[in-house]
Amino acid sequence: MKNAYDVVKAPILTEKSYDYIAHRTYTFEVAKSANKIEIAEAIEQIFPGVKVESVHTVNKLGKLKRQGRTQGRTASKKKAYVKLTADSKGIELFDGIAQ
């Protein structure tokens, strides 16, 4: 198995992700090669006492950017929506944010 911190890169803190916290769903940026099982195991390893119910992933294609005649894309990303079980404790990183 990969290192948990290589799988889960960073939390995503947006208005949409704040709305999901009330439903015990947290949003993270994850490695593009990570699958749902690896993401669930990494979250449970990084945050002790947390039990993952389900994981939904989204591949986000980079935006098209131009600089004069030259064009390219920004980096593509993969997001994971992690839903916790009802008896699981919350993730402390997000607790102070959505109240």
PDB file of N, CA and C in Angstrom:
ATOM      1  N   MET A   1       0.833  -1.187   0.000  1.00  0.00           N
ATOM      2  CA  MET A   1       0.000   0.000   0.000  1.00  0.00           C
ATOM      3  C   MET A   1       0.875   1.247   0.000  1.00  0.00           C
ATOM      4  N   LYS A   2       0.392   2.290  -0.612  1.00  0.00           N
ATOM      5  CA  LYS A   2       1.103   3.554  -0.667  1.00  0.00           C
ATOM      6  C   LYS A   2       1.047   4.251   0.697  1.00  0.00           C
ATOM      7  N   ASN A   3       1.907   5.229   0.873  1.00  0.00           N
ATOM      8  CA  ASN A   3       1.859   6.061   2.069  1.00  0.00           C
ATOM      9  C   ASN A   3       0.542   6.846   2.048  1.00  0.00           C
ATOM     10  N   ALA A   4      -0.119   6.970   3.196  1.00  0.00           N
ATOM     11  CA  ALA A   4      -1.420   7.634   3.258  1.00  0.00           C
ATOM     12  C   ALA A   4      -1.336   9.091   2.821  1.00  0.00           C
ATOM     13  N   TYR A   5      -0.217   9.742   3.095  1.00  0.00           N
ATOM     14  CA  TYR A   5      -0.068  11.145   2.732  1.00  0.00           C
ATOM     15  C   TYR A   5       0.257  11.319   1.245  1.00  0.00           C
ATOM     16  N   ASP A   6       0.648  10.249   0.564  1.00  0.00           N
ATOM     17  CA  ASP A   6       0.807  10.299  -0.884  1.00  0.00           C
ATOM     18  C   ASP A   6      -0.540  10.143  -1.578  1.00  0.00           C
ATOM     19  N   VAL A   7      -1.478   9.457  -0.928  1.00  0.00           N
ATOM     20  CA  VAL A   7      -2.812   9.254  -1.495  1.00  0.00           C
ATOM     21  C   VAL A   7      -3.663  10.503  -1.297  1.00  0.00           C
ATOM     22  N   VAL A   8      -3.748  10.999  -0.058  1.00  0.00           N
ATOM     23  CA  VAL A   8      -4.546  12.187   0.257  1.00  0.00           C
ATOM     24  C   VAL A   8      -3.610  13.383   0.272  1.00  0.00           C
ATOM     25  N   LYS A   9      -3.788  14.294  -0.680  1.00  0.00           N
ATOM     26  CA  LYS A   9      -2.881  15.426  -0.806  1.00  0.00           C
ATOM     27  C   LYS A   9      -3.275  16.602   0.073  1.00  0.00           C
ATOM     28  N   ALA A  10      -4.556  17.014   0.020  1.00  0.00           N
ATOM     29  CA  ALA A  10      -4.972  18.210   0.754  1.00  0.00           C
ATOM     30  C   ALA A  10      -6.492  18.235   0.898  1.00  0.00           C
ATOM     31  N   PRO A  11      -7.005  18.903   1.934  1.00  0.00           N
ATOM     32  CA  PRO A  11      -8.455  19.111   2.023  1.00  0.00           C
ATOM     33  C   PRO A  11      -8.867  20.204   1.039  1.00  0.00           C
ATOM     34  N   ILE A  12     -10.095  20.132   0.568  1.00  0.00           N
ATOM     35  CA  ILE A  12     -10.630  21.170  -0.305  1.00  0.00           C
ATOM     36  C   ILE A  12     -11.648  21.967   0.500  1.00  0.00           C
ATOM     37  N   LEU A  13     -11.395  23.258   0.653  1.00  0.00           N
ATOM     38  CA  LEU A  13     -12.236  24.122   1.472  1.00  0.00           C
ATOM     39  C   LEU A  13     -12.906  25.161   0.577  1.00  0.00           C
ATOM     40  N   THR A  14     -14.113  24.839   0.115  1.00  0.00           N
ATOM     41  CA  THR A  14     -14.897  25.738  -0.718  1.00  0.00           C
ATOM     42  C   THR A  14     -16.296  25.847  -0.119  1.00  0.00           C
ATOM     43  N   GLU A  15     -17.111  26.738  -0.676  1.00  0.00           N
ATOM     44  CA  GLU A  15     -18.475  26.881  -0.170  1.00  0.00           C
ATOM     45  C   GLU A  15     -19.260  25.592  -0.331  1.00  0.00           C
ATOM     46  N   LYS A  16     -19.061  24.924  -1.450  1.00  0.00           N
ATOM     47  CA  LYS A  16     -19.768  23.663  -1.694  1.00  0.00           C
ATOM     48  C   LYS A  16     -19.340  22.597  -0.684  1.00  0.00           C
ATOM     49  N   SER A  17     -18.039  22.532  -0.392  1.00  0.00           N
ATOM     50  CA  SER A  17     -17.565  21.523   0.554  1.00  0.00           C
ATOM     51  C   SER A  17     -18.044  21.825   1.974  1.00  0.00           C
ATOM     52  N   TYR A  18     -18.220  23.116   2.309  1.00  0.00           N
ATOM     53  CA  TYR A  18     -18.760  23.471   3.632  1.00  0.00           C
ATOM     54  C   TYR A  18     -20.192  22.959   3.784  1.00  0.00           C
ATOM     55  N   ASP A  19     -20.987  23.008   2.721  1.00  0.00           N
ATOM     56  CA  ASP A  19     -22.366  22.525   2.788  1.00  0.00           C
ATOM     57  C   ASP A  19     -22.426  21.020   3.023  1.00  0.00           C
ATOM     58  N   TYR A  20     -21.462  20.285   2.492  1.00  0.00           N
ATOM     59  CA  TYR A  20     -21.447  18.828   2.659  1.00  0.00           C
ATOM     60  C   TYR A  20     -21.034  18.389   4.063  1.00  0.00           C
ATOM     61  N   ILE A  21     -20.343  19.238   4.810  1.00  0.00           N
ATOM     62  CA  ILE A  21     -19.871  18.853   6.146  1.00  0.00           C
ATOM     63  C   ILE A  21     -21.048  18.527   7.068  1.00  0.00           C
ATOM     64  N   ALA A  22     -22.165  19.222   6.913  1.00  0.00           N
ATOM     65  CA  ALA A  22     -23.354  18.947   7.725  1.00  0.00           C
ATOM     66  C   ALA A  22     -23.882  17.537   7.478  1.00  0.00           C
ATOM     67  N   HIS A  23     -23.601  16.969   6.317  1.00  0.00           N
ATOM     68  CA  HIS A  23     -24.036  15.604   5.977  1.00  0.00           C
ATOM     69  C   HIS A  23     -22.925  14.580   6.204  1.00  0.00           C
ATOM     70  N   ARG A  24     -21.899  14.978   6.959  1.00  0.00           N
ATOM     71  CA  ARG A  24     -20.758  14.124   7.306  1.00  0.00           C
ATOM     72  C   ARG A  24     -19.975  13.676   6.066  1.00  0.00           C
ATOM     73  N   THR A  25     -19.893  14.563   5.081  1.00  0.00           N
ATOM     74  CA  THR A  25     -19.134  14.304   3.861  1.00  0.00           C
ATOM     75  C   THR A  25     -18.036  15.343   3.747  1.00  0.00           C
ATOM     76  N   TYR A  26     -16.810  14.889   3.562  1.00  0.00           N
ATOM     77  CA  TYR A  26     -15.643  15.768   3.505  1.00  0.00           C
ATOM     78  C   TYR A  26     -14.978  15.619   2.136  1.00  0.00           C
ATOM     79  N   THR A  27     -14.374  16.703   1.660  1.00  0.00           N
ATOM     80  CA  THR A  27     -13.797  16.731   0.315  1.00  0.00           C
ATOM     81  C   THR A  27     -12.284  16.853   0.392  1.00  0.00           C
ATOM     82  N   PHE A  28     -11.585  16.025  -0.376  1.00  0.00           N
ATOM     83  CA  PHE A  28     -10.124  16.022  -0.389  1.00  0.00           C
ATOM     84  C   PHE A  28      -9.612  15.961  -1.819  1.00  0.00           C
ATOM     85  N   GLU A  29      -8.433  16.544  -2.043  1.00  0.00           N
ATOM     86  CA  GLU A  29      -7.719  16.326  -3.292  1.00  0.00           C
ATOM     87  C   GLU A  29      -6.861  15.086  -3.088  1.00  0.00           C
ATOM     88  N   VAL A  30      -6.928  14.160  -4.033  1.00  0.00           N
ATOM     89  CA  VAL A  30      -6.218  12.886  -3.896  1.00  0.00           C
ATOM     90  C   VAL A  30      -5.346  12.637  -5.118  1.00  0.00           C
ATOM     91  N   ALA A  31      -4.475  11.648  -5.017  1.00  0.00           N
ATOM     92  CA  ALA A  31      -3.608  11.268  -6.128  1.00  0.00           C
ATOM     93  C   ALA A  31      -4.462  10.728  -7.277  1.00  0.00           C
ATOM     94  N   LYS A  32      -4.057  11.049  -8.495  1.00  0.00           N
ATOM     95  CA  LYS A  32      -4.831  10.618  -9.665  1.00  0.00           C
ATOM     96  C   LYS A  32      -4.868   9.109  -9.811  1.00  0.00           C
ATOM     97  N   SER A  33      -3.853   8.422  -9.314  1.00  0.00           N
ATOM     98  CA  SER A  33      -3.789   6.966  -9.460  1.00  0.00           C
ATOM     99  C   SER A  33      -4.491   6.222  -8.323  1.00  0.00           C
ATOM    100  N   ALA A  34      -4.970   6.928  -7.311  1.00  0.00           N
ATOM    101  CA  ALA A  34      -5.583   6.278  -6.141  1.00  0.00           C
ATOM    102  C   ALA A  34      -6.994   5.804  -6.460  1.00  0.00           C
ATOM    103  N   ASN A  35      -7.335   4.607  -5.955  1.00  0.00           N
ATOM    104  CA  ASN A  35      -8.700   4.117  -6.111  1.00  0.00           C
ATOM    105  C   ASN A  35      -9.473   4.351  -4.810  1.00  0.00           C
ATOM    106  N   LYS A  36     -10.770   4.031  -4.816  1.00  0.00           N
ATOM    107  CA  LYS A  36     -11.632   4.335  -3.678  1.00  0.00           C
ATOM    108  C   LYS A  36     -11.215   3.587  -2.415  1.00  0.00           C
ATOM    109  N   ILE A  37     -10.759   2.355  -2.555  1.00  0.00           N
ATOM    110  CA  ILE A  37     -10.353   1.560  -1.401  1.00  0.00           C
ATOM    111  C   ILE A  37      -9.107   2.173  -0.759  1.00  0.00           C
ATOM    112  N   GLU A  38      -8.140   2.560  -1.569  1.00  0.00           N
ATOM    113  CA  GLU A  38      -6.925   3.199  -1.043  1.00  0.00           C
ATOM    114  C   GLU A  38      -7.244   4.521  -0.368  1.00  0.00           C
ATOM    115  N   ILE A  39      -8.182   5.286  -0.929  1.00  0.00           N
ATOM    116  CA  ILE A  39      -8.562   6.573  -0.334  1.00  0.00           C
ATOM    117  C   ILE A  39      -9.210   6.347   1.030  1.00  0.00           C
ATOM    118  N   ALA A  40     -10.120   5.383   1.134  1.00  0.00           N
ATOM    119  CA  ALA A  40     -10.794   5.092   2.402  1.00  0.00           C
ATOM    120  C   ALA A  40      -9.789   4.655   3.466  1.00  0.00           C
ATOM    121  N   GLU A  41      -8.857   3.777   3.094  1.00  0.00           N
ATOM    122  CA  GLU A  41      -7.850   3.318   4.061  1.00  0.00           C
ATOM    123  C   GLU A  41      -6.943   4.461   4.492  1.00  0.00           C
ATOM    124  N   ALA A  42      -6.585   5.349   3.575  1.00  0.00           N
ATOM    125  CA  ALA A  42      -5.708   6.475   3.903  1.00  0.00           C
ATOM    126  C   ALA A  42      -6.396   7.447   4.858  1.00  0.00           C
ATOM    127  N   ILE A  43      -7.676   7.732   4.644  1.00  0.00           N
ATOM    128  CA  ILE A  43      -8.423   8.639   5.530  1.00  0.00           C
ATOM    129  C   ILE A  43      -8.506   8.045   6.927  1.00  0.00           C
ATOM    130  N   GLU A  44      -8.792   6.752   7.030  1.00  0.00           N
ATOM    131  CA  GLU A  44      -8.885   6.100   8.343  1.00  0.00           C
ATOM    132  C   GLU A  44      -7.530   6.055   9.037  1.00  0.00           C
ATOM    133  N   GLN A  45      -6.453   6.004   8.273  1.00  0.00           N
ATOM    134  CA  GLN A  45      -5.114   5.981   8.855  1.00  0.00           C
ATOM    135  C   GLN A  45      -4.678   7.381   9.311  1.00  0.00           C
ATOM    136  N   ILE A  46      -4.986   8.405   8.529  1.00  0.00           N
ATOM    137  CA  ILE A  46      -4.571   9.771   8.856  1.00  0.00           C
ATOM    138  C   ILE A  46      -5.372  10.317  10.033  1.00  0.00           C
ATOM    139  N   PHE A  47      -6.673  10.055  10.058  1.00  0.00           N
ATOM    140  CA  PHE A  47      -7.551  10.564  11.119  1.00  0.00           C
ATOM    141  C   PHE A  47      -8.033   9.389  11.971  1.00  0.00           C
ATOM    142  N   PRO A  48      -7.384   9.124  13.115  1.00  0.00           N
ATOM    143  CA  PRO A  48      -7.788   7.979  13.953  1.00  0.00           C
ATOM    144  C   PRO A  48      -9.193   8.167  14.523  1.00  0.00           C
ATOM    145  N   GLY A  49      -9.931   7.075  14.607  1.00  0.00           N
ATOM    146  CA  GLY A  49     -11.293   7.113  15.134  1.00  0.00           C
ATOM    147  C   GLY A  49     -12.341   7.420  14.081  1.00  0.00           C
ATOM    148  N   VAL A  50     -11.934   7.582  12.842  1.00  0.00           N
ATOM    149  CA  VAL A  50     -12.848   7.895  11.752  1.00  0.00           C
ATOM    150  C   VAL A  50     -13.128   6.623  10.962  1.00  0.00           C
ATOM    151  N   LYS A  51     -14.414   6.374  10.652  1.00  0.00           N
ATOM    152  CA  LYS A  51     -14.811   5.218   9.848  1.00  0.00           C
ATOM    153  C   LYS A  51     -15.478   5.725   8.576  1.00  0.00           C
ATOM    154  N   VAL A  52     -14.978   5.290   7.438  1.00  0.00           N
ATOM    155  CA  VAL A  52     -15.482   5.734   6.142  1.00  0.00           C
ATOM    156  C   VAL A  52     -16.626   4.832   5.699  1.00  0.00           C
ATOM    157  N   GLU A  53     -17.752   5.451   5.324  1.00  0.00           N
ATOM    158  CA  GLU A  53     -18.895   4.702   4.802  1.00  0.00           C
ATOM    159  C   GLU A  53     -18.782   4.536   3.294  1.00  0.00           C
ATOM    160  N   SER A  54     -18.497   5.630   2.580  1.00  0.00           N
ATOM    161  CA  SER A  54     -18.388   5.549   1.128  1.00  0.00           C
ATOM    162  C   SER A  54     -17.449   6.632   0.612  1.00  0.00           C
ATOM    163  N   VAL A  55     -16.950   6.413  -0.602  1.00  0.00           N
ATOM    164  CA  VAL A  55     -16.065   7.370  -1.267  1.00  0.00           C
ATOM    165  C   VAL A  55     -16.559   7.551  -2.699  1.00  0.00           C
ATOM    166  N   HIS A  56     -16.722   8.805  -3.106  1.00  0.00           N
ATOM    167  CA  HIS A  56     -17.058   9.139  -4.488  1.00  0.00           C
ATOM    168  C   HIS A  56     -15.915   9.964  -5.042  1.00  0.00           C
ATOM    169  N   THR A  57     -15.482   9.658  -6.254  1.00  0.00           N
ATOM    170  CA  THR A  57     -14.352  10.370  -6.845  1.00  0.00           C
ATOM    171  C   THR A  57     -14.784  11.100  -8.112  1.00  0.00           C
ATOM    172  N   VAL A  58     -14.077  12.215  -8.388  1.00  0.00           N
ATOM    173  CA  VAL A  58     -14.326  13.025  -9.574  1.00  0.00           C
ATOM    174  C   VAL A  58     -12.985  13.375 -10.190  1.00  0.00           C
ATOM    175  N   ASN A  59     -12.807  13.065 -11.487  1.00  0.00           N
ATOM    176  CA  ASN A  59     -11.623  13.499 -12.213  1.00  0.00           C
ATOM    177  C   ASN A  59     -11.923  14.844 -12.840  1.00  0.00           C
ATOM    178  N   LYS A  60     -11.114  15.844 -12.507  1.00  0.00           N
ATOM    179  CA  LYS A  60     -11.349  17.204 -12.962  1.00  0.00           C
ATOM    180  C   LYS A  60     -10.261  17.572 -13.969  1.00  0.00           C
ATOM    181  N   LEU A  61     -10.648  17.772 -15.224  1.00  0.00           N
ATOM    182  CA  LEU A  61      -9.716  18.117 -16.284  1.00  0.00           C
ATOM    183  C   LEU A  61      -9.242  19.556 -16.104  1.00  0.00           C
ATOM    184  N   GLY A  62      -7.973  19.806 -16.393  1.00  0.00           N
ATOM    185  CA  GLY A  62      -7.415  21.144 -16.251  1.00  0.00           C
ATOM    186  C   GLY A  62      -8.035  22.118 -17.233  1.00  0.00           C
ATOM    187  N   LYS A  63      -8.055  23.403 -16.854  1.00  0.00           N
ATOM    188  CA  LYS A  63      -8.622  24.436 -17.720  1.00  0.00           C
ATOM    189  C   LYS A  63      -7.671  24.757 -18.866  1.00  0.00           C
ATOM    190  N   LEU A  64      -8.241  25.130 -19.987  1.00  0.00           N
ATOM    191  CA  LEU A  64      -7.457  25.548 -21.137  1.00  0.00           C
ATOM    192  C   LEU A  64      -7.011  26.995 -20.922  1.00  0.00           C
ATOM    193  N   LYS A  65      -5.725  27.251 -21.022  1.00  0.00           N
ATOM    194  CA  LYS A  65      -5.167  28.588 -20.823  1.00  0.00           C
ATOM    195  C   LYS A  65      -4.390  28.999 -22.064  1.00  0.00           C
ATOM    196  N   ARG A  66      -4.368  30.304 -22.341  1.00  0.00           N
ATOM    197  CA  ARG A  66      -3.641  30.826 -23.499  1.00  0.00           C
ATOM    198  C   ARG A  66      -2.739  31.960 -23.063  1.00  0.00           C
ATOM    199  N   GLN A  67      -1.599  32.050 -23.726  1.00  0.00           N
ATOM    200  CA  GLN A  67      -0.674  33.171 -23.562  1.00  0.00           C
ATOM    201  C   GLN A  67      -0.219  33.532 -24.972  1.00  0.00           C
ATOM    202  N   GLY A  68      -0.897  34.481 -25.588  1.00  0.00           N
ATOM    203  CA  GLY A  68      -0.607  34.805 -26.972  1.00  0.00           C
ATOM    204  C   GLY A  68      -1.012  33.654 -27.883  1.00  0.00           C
ATOM    205  N   ARG A  69      -0.094  33.192 -28.719  1.00  0.00           N
ATOM    206  CA  ARG A  69      -0.395  32.071 -29.613  1.00  0.00           C
ATOM    207  C   ARG A  69      -0.309  30.731 -28.913  1.00  0.00           C
ATOM    208  N   THR A  70       0.405  30.688 -27.816  1.00  0.00           N
ATOM    209  CA  THR A  70       0.651  29.430 -27.116  1.00  0.00           C
ATOM    210  C   THR A  70      -0.530  29.088 -26.224  1.00  0.00           C
ATOM    211  N   GLN A  71      -0.921  27.838 -26.252  1.00  0.00           N
ATOM    212  CA  GLN A  71      -1.986  27.412 -25.350  1.00  0.00           C
ATOM    213  C   GLN A  71      -1.598  26.115 -24.659  1.00  0.00           C
ATOM    214  N   GLY A  72      -2.192  25.902 -23.513  1.00  0.00           N
ATOM    215  CA  GLY A  72      -1.924  24.701 -22.738  1.00  0.00           C
ATOM    216  C   GLY A  72      -3.023  24.514 -21.719  1.00  0.00           C
ATOM    217  N   ARG A  73      -2.817  23.568 -20.830  1.00  0.00           N
ATOM    218  CA  ARG A  73      -3.809  23.291 -19.793  1.00  0.00           C
ATOM    219  C   ARG A  73      -3.168  23.398 -18.417  1.00  0.00           C
ATOM    220  N   THR A  74      -3.980  23.799 -17.452  1.00  0.00           N
ATOM    221  CA  THR A  74      -3.528  23.723 -16.074  1.00  0.00           C
ATOM    222  C   THR A  74      -3.555  22.255 -15.663  1.00  0.00           C
ATOM    223  N   ALA A  75      -3.005  21.943 -14.526  1.00  0.00           N
ATOM    224  CA  ALA A  75      -2.912  20.551 -14.087  1.00  0.00           C
ATOM    225  C   ALA A  75      -4.298  19.966 -13.808  1.00  0.00           C
ATOM    226  N   SER A  76      -4.492  18.718 -14.197  1.00  0.00           N
ATOM    227  CA  SER A  76      -5.719  17.995 -13.883  1.00  0.00           C
ATOM    228  C   SER A  76      -5.649  17.524 -12.435  1.00  0.00           C
ATOM    229  N   LYS A  77      -6.819  17.365 -11.814  1.00  0.00           N
ATOM    230  CA  LYS A  77      -6.879  16.955 -10.407  1.00  0.00           C
ATOM    231  C   LYS A  77      -7.924  15.870 -10.224  1.00  0.00           C
ATOM    232  N   LYS A  78      -7.839  15.197  -9.092  1.00  0.00           N
ATOM    233  CA  LYS A  78      -8.842  14.210  -8.719  1.00  0.00           C
ATOM    234  C   LYS A  78      -9.346  14.576  -7.332  1.00  0.00           C
ATOM    235  N   LYS A  79     -10.682  14.666  -7.188  1.00  0.00           N
ATOM    236  CA  LYS A  79     -11.293  14.978  -5.906  1.00  0.00           C
ATOM    237  C   LYS A  79     -11.993  13.745  -5.365  1.00  0.00           C
ATOM    238  N   ALA A  80     -12.042  13.646  -4.047  1.00  0.00           N
ATOM    239  CA  ALA A  80     -12.759  12.544  -3.410  1.00  0.00           C
ATOM    240  C   ALA A  80     -13.716  13.113  -2.377  1.00  0.00           C
ATOM    241  N   TYR A  81     -14.971  12.697  -2.458  1.00  0.00           N
ATOM    242  CA  TYR A  81     -15.975  13.030  -1.453  1.00  0.00           C
ATOM    243  C   TYR A  81     -16.075  11.826  -0.521  1.00  0.00           C
ATOM    244  N   VAL A  82     -15.684  12.016   0.745  1.00  0.00           N
ATOM    245  CA  VAL A  82     -15.609  10.925   1.715  1.00  0.00           C
ATOM    246  C   VAL A  82     -16.748  11.083   2.715  1.00  0.00           C
ATOM    247  N   LYS A  83     -17.654  10.096   2.751  1.00  0.00           N
ATOM    248  CA  LYS A  83     -18.777  10.109   3.697  1.00  0.00           C
ATOM    249  C   LYS A  83     -18.443   9.205   4.863  1.00  0.00           C
ATOM    250  N   LEU A  84     -18.644   9.725   6.077  1.00  0.00           N
ATOM    251  CA  LEU A  84     -18.341   8.970   7.288  1.00  0.00           C
ATOM    252  C   LEU A  84     -19.589   8.281   7.807  1.00  0.00           C
ATOM    253  N   THR A  85     -19.400   7.206   8.573  1.00  0.00           N
ATOM    254  CA  THR A  85     -20.526   6.499   9.174  1.00  0.00           C
ATOM    255  C   THR A  85     -21.138   7.342  10.285  1.00  0.00           C
ATOM    256  N   ALA A  86     -22.351   6.993  10.695  1.00  0.00           N
ATOM    257  CA  ALA A  86     -23.068   7.765  11.716  1.00  0.00           C
ATOM    258  C   ALA A  86     -22.377   7.678  13.077  1.00  0.00           C
ATOM    259  N   ASP A  87     -21.755   6.533  13.394  1.00  0.00           N
ATOM    260  CA  ASP A  87     -21.119   6.367  14.707  1.00  0.00           C
ATOM    261  C   ASP A  87     -19.657   6.823  14.708  1.00  0.00           C
ATOM    262  N   SER A  88     -19.162   7.279  13.594  1.00  0.00           N
ATOM    263  CA  SER A  88     -17.774   7.745  13.502  1.00  0.00           C
ATOM    264  C   SER A  88     -17.647   9.152  14.073  1.00  0.00           C
ATOM    265  N   LYS A  89     -16.475   9.446  14.629  1.00  0.00           N
ATOM    266  CA  LYS A  89     -16.257  10.819  15.068  1.00  0.00           C
ATOM    267  C   LYS A  89     -15.876  11.670  13.863  1.00  0.00           C
ATOM    268  N   GLY A  90     -16.078  12.979  13.963  1.00  0.00           N
ATOM    269  CA  GLY A  90     -15.805  13.878  12.845  1.00  0.00           C
ATOM    270  C   GLY A  90     -14.330  14.126  12.665  1.00  0.00           C
ATOM    271  N   ILE A  91     -13.975  14.785  11.584  1.00  0.00           N
ATOM    272  CA  ILE A  91     -12.595  15.137  11.310  1.00  0.00           C
ATOM    273  C   ILE A  91     -12.343  16.521  11.921  1.00  0.00           C
ATOM    274  N   GLU A  92     -11.373  16.587  12.848  1.00  0.00           N
ATOM    275  CA  GLU A  92     -11.140  17.813  13.621  1.00  0.00           C
ATOM    276  C   GLU A  92     -10.738  18.984  12.735  1.00  0.00           C
ATOM    277  N   LEU A  93     -10.082  18.704  11.633  1.00  0.00           N
ATOM    278  CA  LEU A  93      -9.633  19.751  10.718  1.00  0.00           C
ATOM    279  C   LEU A  93     -10.807  20.611  10.250  1.00  0.00           C
ATOM    280  N   PHE A  94     -11.972  20.008  10.045  1.00  0.00           N
ATOM    281  CA  PHE A  94     -13.133  20.709   9.519  1.00  0.00           C
ATOM    282  C   PHE A  94     -14.104  21.173  10.610  1.00  0.00           C
ATOM    283  N   ASP A  95     -13.950  20.704  11.849  1.00  0.00           N
ATOM    284  CA  ASP A  95     -14.955  20.961  12.887  1.00  0.00           C
ATOM    285  C   ASP A  95     -15.134  22.442  13.202  1.00  0.00           C
ATOM    286  N   GLY A  96     -14.059  23.201  13.262  1.00  0.00           N
ATOM    287  CA  GLY A  96     -14.168  24.614  13.596  1.00  0.00           C
ATOM    288  C   GLY A  96     -14.709  25.461  12.459  1.00  0.00           C
ATOM    289  N   ILE A  97     -14.781  24.901  11.255  1.00  0.00           N
ATOM    290  CA  ILE A  97     -15.167  25.676  10.078  1.00  0.00           C
ATOM    291  C   ILE A  97     -16.673  25.734   9.895  1.00  0.00           C
ATOM    292  N   ALA A  98     -17.334  24.608   9.898  1.00  0.00           N
ATOM    293  CA  ALA A  98     -18.761  24.540   9.571  1.00  0.00           C
ATOM    294  C   ALA A  98     -19.592  24.441  10.839  1.00  0.00           C
ATOM    295  N   GLN A  99     -19.933  25.569  11.372  1.00  0.00           N
ATOM    296  CA  GLN A  99     -20.804  25.569  12.553  1.00  0.00           C
ATOM    297  C   GLN A  99     -21.907  26.573  12.393  1.00  0.00           C
TER     298      GLN A  99
END
